[in-house]
Amino acid sequence: MKDVKAVRGRYYIQRLVEQGEHVNQDFKYLINDARKIARSVSAFANNSGGRLLIGVKDNGVIAGVRNEEDIYVVEQAASMYCHPACHVDFKAYNVDYGVIVICAEIQRATHRPVMVDEGGGVTKAYYRVKDENITAHPLMVEAWRLRDNPGYEPLYYSADDFVTSILDTLTDRAMSIEQLAREIHASMRSVEDAVTRLAAMDMIDFIFDGDRFVLTRQV
């Protein structure tokens, strides 16, 4: 195992496990697919950060790490399959005799999006929603690129009728980009461009309704 010295942490890990899986925490028992782990890293990094508890089953049973190579697989996922590469901090906790849980901490990315190499020239960005890693909406990705990358200068809209109609339509309502375009009788291309820039300015946001990402106005 990587040179990570285990410290006592039975009650600390138990408290974390009692929280269950959520937007900032995921349980991992089997670490055998670096690309799959990269999706979790991307999802946390593109949201507010989070932790992988390695050695904990999906049902919350603390079984301990099974393979001393687990840390290397996570590092490989974060450095080889995530672009840009992500840094992961590891801490080991001795939960019981011979039972060690590894906590892998991923911080929110300084510059988003963090893309995952899916193979065959395909890359995807993921976003953590509750206890799931969801493929980010393409316009979310474009808004991140506008806002969070070096050299970006916000392009502020004047309060023209088009932008006003978008914001007014999304006041106290959530809808898909397609619904929004129909509602304000505008082309998809013009609405997509405006939504991307408004999202980069934190004036509107994307929320996942359990089936898809929809738009809502920031308050």
Protein backbone atom coordinates (compact mmCIF):
# COMPACT_ATOMS: atom_id res chain seq x y z
CA MET A 1 0.00 0.00 0.00
CA LYS A 2 1.09 3.55 -0.59
CA ASP A 3 2.91 5.05 2.38
CA VAL A 4 -0.22 6.20 4.23
CA LYS A 5 -0.04 5.46 7.92
CA ALA A 6 -3.34 4.38 9.44
CA VAL A 7 -4.59 6.27 12.48
CA ARG A 8 -7.36 5.41 14.87
CA GLY A 9 -10.69 6.36 13.42
CA ARG A 10 -13.37 3.85 14.31
CA TYR A 11 -15.94 6.34 15.56
CA TYR A 12 -15.06 8.97 12.97
CA ILE A 13 -15.62 6.52 10.10
CA GLN A 14 -18.79 5.19 11.70
CA ARG A 15 -20.19 8.72 11.87
CA LEU A 16 -19.38 9.29 8.21
CA VAL A 17 -20.95 5.98 7.19
CA GLU A 18 -24.11 6.81 9.15
CA GLN A 19 -24.58 9.80 6.83
CA GLY A 20 -24.93 7.41 3.91
CA GLU A 21 -23.97 8.29 0.36
CA HIS A 22 -24.75 11.89 -0.55
CA VAL A 23 -23.62 14.79 -2.71
CA ASN A 24 -20.20 14.88 -1.01
CA GLN A 25 -19.69 11.21 -0.14
CA ASP A 26 -19.53 7.91 -1.98
CA PHE A 27 -18.83 4.38 -0.74
CA LYS A 28 -16.40 2.22 -2.70
CA TYR A 29 -15.71 -1.40 -1.86
CA LEU A 30 -14.32 -2.68 -5.14
CA ILE A 31 -11.70 -0.47 -6.80
CA ASN A 32 -10.99 -2.25 -10.06
CA ASP A 33 -11.95 0.20 -12.81
CA ALA A 34 -9.94 3.42 -13.02
CA ARG A 35 -12.24 4.98 -15.61
CA LYS A 36 -15.30 4.37 -13.42
CA ILE A 37 -13.53 5.94 -10.44
CA ALA A 38 -12.57 8.88 -12.68
CA ARG A 39 -16.27 9.61 -13.13
CA SER A 40 -16.67 9.96 -9.37
CA VAL A 41 -13.61 12.21 -9.19
CA SER A 42 -14.97 14.37 -12.02
CA ALA A 43 -18.42 14.56 -10.43
CA PHE A 44 -17.04 15.74 -7.09
CA ALA A 45 -14.53 18.13 -8.65
CA ASN A 46 -17.19 19.73 -10.86
CA ASN A 47 -19.51 20.26 -7.90
CA SER A 48 -18.33 21.14 -4.38
CA GLY A 49 -15.80 18.38 -3.77
CA GLY A 50 -16.29 15.18 -1.83
CA ARG A 51 -14.82 11.98 -0.47
CA LEU A 52 -14.60 8.32 -1.41
CA LEU A 53 -14.72 5.94 1.53
CA ILE A 54 -12.77 2.94 0.25
CA GLY A 55 -13.52 -0.27 2.06
CA VAL A 56 -17.20 0.48 2.66
CA LYS A 57 -19.91 -1.46 0.84
CA ASP A 58 -22.93 0.21 -0.78
CA ASN A 59 -25.11 -0.91 2.12
CA GLY A 60 -22.82 0.81 4.62
CA VAL A 61 -21.04 -2.29 5.89
CA ILE A 62 -17.47 -1.43 6.85
CA ALA A 63 -15.46 -4.28 5.37
CA GLY A 64 -12.05 -2.62 5.00
CA VAL A 65 -9.87 -2.27 1.93
CA ARG A 66 -9.37 -5.52 0.05
CA ASN A 67 -6.37 -4.67 -2.06
CA GLU A 68 -3.35 -2.55 -1.27
CA GLU A 69 -3.39 -1.30 -4.87
CA ASP A 70 -6.68 0.57 -4.37
CA ILE A 71 -4.93 3.89 -3.79
CA TYR A 72 -2.90 3.54 -6.97
CA VAL A 73 -6.06 2.89 -9.01
CA VAL A 74 -7.66 6.05 -7.61
CA GLU A 75 -4.51 8.04 -8.36
CA GLN A 76 -4.45 6.62 -11.88
CA ALA A 77 -8.11 7.59 -12.33
CA ALA A 78 -7.47 11.17 -11.18
CA SER A 79 -4.23 11.71 -13.09
CA MET A 80 -4.65 9.69 -16.30
CA TYR A 81 -8.39 9.69 -17.00
CA CYS A 82 -9.34 13.13 -15.65
CA HIS A 83 -8.48 16.26 -17.65
CA PRO A 84 -7.23 18.40 -16.12
CA ALA A 85 -5.70 15.96 -13.64
CA CYS A 86 -7.08 16.14 -10.10
CA HIS A 87 -5.19 15.91 -6.83
CA VAL A 88 -6.50 13.42 -4.29
CA ASP A 89 -5.60 13.43 -0.59
CA PHE A 90 -5.56 10.05 1.13
CA LYS A 91 -5.97 9.23 4.81
CA ALA A 92 -6.14 5.74 6.31
CA TYR A 93 -8.23 4.92 9.38
CA ASN A 94 -7.95 1.83 11.53
CA VAL A 95 -11.54 0.88 12.26
CA ASP A 96 -10.99 -2.54 13.82
CA TYR A 97 -8.27 -5.14 14.00
CA GLY A 98 -7.13 -5.67 10.44
CA VAL A 99 -9.91 -3.40 9.08
CA ILE A 100 -8.68 -0.22 7.41
CA VAL A 101 -10.79 2.33 5.55
CA ILE A 102 -9.18 4.78 3.14
CA CYS A 103 -10.67 8.25 2.82
CA ALA A 104 -9.89 9.82 -0.57
CA GLU A 105 -10.66 13.55 -0.55
CA ILE A 106 -11.31 15.40 -3.80
CA GLN A 107 -11.52 19.20 -3.76
CA ARG A 108 -13.70 21.32 -6.00
CA ALA A 109 -11.75 21.99 -9.18
CA THR A 110 -10.14 25.40 -9.50
CA HIS A 111 -10.93 25.40 -13.20
CA ARG A 112 -13.89 23.43 -14.51
CA PRO A 113 -14.87 21.33 -16.33
CA VAL A 114 -12.97 18.23 -15.27
CA MET A 115 -13.50 15.87 -18.20
CA VAL A 116 -13.20 12.08 -18.19
CA ASP A 117 -11.50 10.21 -21.01
CA GLU A 118 -14.13 7.63 -21.95
CA GLY A 119 -11.98 6.08 -24.67
CA GLY A 120 -12.27 6.30 -28.44
CA GLY A 121 -11.73 10.05 -28.38
CA VAL A 122 -14.87 10.63 -26.26
CA THR A 123 -14.73 12.86 -23.17
CA LYS A 124 -17.52 13.63 -20.70
CA ALA A 125 -17.94 15.84 -17.66
CA TYR A 126 -19.81 14.53 -14.62
CA TYR A 127 -21.65 16.31 -11.83
CA ARG A 128 -22.59 15.01 -8.40
CA VAL A 129 -26.33 15.04 -7.72
CA LYS A 130 -27.36 13.56 -4.36
CA ASP A 131 -25.71 10.11 -4.41
CA GLU A 132 -25.25 9.83 -8.18
CA ASN A 133 -22.70 10.87 -10.79
CA ILE A 134 -24.68 12.46 -13.61
CA THR A 135 -23.38 13.42 -17.05
CA ALA A 136 -23.28 17.21 -17.02
CA HIS A 137 -25.49 19.12 -19.45
CA PRO A 138 -23.41 20.43 -22.40
CA LEU A 139 -24.40 24.01 -21.61
CA MET A 140 -23.22 23.57 -18.01
CA VAL A 141 -19.85 22.53 -19.40
CA GLU A 142 -19.70 25.55 -21.69
CA ALA A 143 -20.67 27.89 -18.85
CA TRP A 144 -17.87 26.44 -16.68
CA ARG A 145 -15.40 26.98 -19.48
CA LEU A 146 -16.47 30.61 -19.78
CA ARG A 147 -16.41 31.35 -16.06
CA ASP A 148 -13.73 29.23 -14.45
CA ASN A 149 -10.85 29.24 -16.91
CA PRO A 150 -7.95 31.72 -16.98
CA GLY A 151 -8.42 34.71 -19.21
CA TYR A 152 -12.20 34.70 -19.06
CA GLU A 153 -13.77 38.13 -19.05
CA PRO A 154 -17.51 38.17 -18.40
CA LEU A 155 -19.59 39.49 -21.27
CA TYR A 156 -22.46 41.23 -19.57
CA TYR A 157 -25.75 41.55 -21.32
CA SER A 158 -27.68 44.76 -21.34
CA ALA A 159 -31.18 44.44 -20.01
CA ASP A 160 -32.68 43.91 -23.44
CA ASP A 161 -36.05 42.32 -24.11
CA PHE A 162 -34.58 38.94 -25.02
CA VAL A 163 -32.59 38.44 -21.81
CA THR A 164 -35.38 39.93 -19.73
CA SER A 165 -37.86 37.49 -21.22
CA ILE A 166 -35.58 34.55 -20.35
CA LEU A 167 -35.14 35.68 -16.75
CA ASP A 168 -38.82 36.54 -16.33
CA THR A 169 -39.88 33.17 -17.75
CA LEU A 170 -37.60 31.32 -15.32
CA THR A 171 -38.78 33.28 -12.30
CA ASP A 172 -40.38 30.76 -9.90
CA ARG A 173 -40.36 28.14 -12.68
CA ALA A 174 -37.98 25.45 -13.86
CA MET A 175 -37.96 24.16 -17.42
CA SER A 176 -35.77 22.53 -20.02
CA ILE A 177 -33.89 24.51 -22.64
CA GLU A 178 -36.33 23.22 -25.26
CA GLN A 179 -39.33 24.36 -23.22
CA LEU A 180 -37.74 27.76 -22.69
CA ALA A 181 -37.15 28.27 -26.42
CA ARG A 182 -40.79 27.41 -27.17
CA GLU A 183 -42.06 29.60 -24.38
CA ILE A 184 -40.29 32.74 -25.55
CA HIS A 185 -40.59 31.89 -29.28
CA ALA A 186 -36.85 32.00 -29.94
CA SER A 187 -34.40 29.80 -31.80
CA MET A 188 -32.55 27.10 -29.87
CA ARG A 189 -29.20 28.53 -30.90
CA SER A 190 -29.93 32.01 -29.55
CA VAL A 191 -31.38 30.63 -26.32
CA GLU A 192 -28.43 28.26 -25.81
CA ASP A 193 -25.95 31.10 -26.26
CA ALA A 194 -27.81 33.34 -23.82
CA VAL A 195 -28.29 30.56 -21.26
CA THR A 196 -24.59 29.67 -21.37
CA ARG A 197 -23.54 33.24 -20.69
CA LEU A 198 -26.20 33.82 -18.03
CA ALA A 199 -25.15 30.61 -16.27
CA ALA A 200 -21.51 31.75 -16.40
CA MET A 201 -22.66 34.94 -14.68
CA ASP A 202 -24.54 32.94 -11.99
CA MET A 203 -27.85 34.45 -13.05
CA ILE A 204 -29.42 31.09 -13.90
CA ASP A 205 -28.62 27.58 -12.77
CA PHE A 206 -29.07 23.97 -13.83
CA ILE A 207 -30.85 21.57 -11.48
CA PHE A 208 -31.48 17.87 -11.98
CA ASP A 209 -35.14 16.93 -11.61
CA GLY A 210 -34.52 13.20 -11.42
CA ASP A 211 -34.70 12.72 -15.17
CA ARG A 212 -32.89 15.63 -16.80
CA PHE A 213 -31.29 19.00 -16.14
CA VAL A 214 -33.67 21.95 -16.16
CA LEU A 215 -33.09 25.67 -15.88
CA THR A 216 -33.98 27.89 -12.98
CA ARG A 217 -33.31 31.52 -12.15
CA GLN A 218 -30.75 32.25 -9.46
CA VAL A 219 -32.00 34.35 -6.55
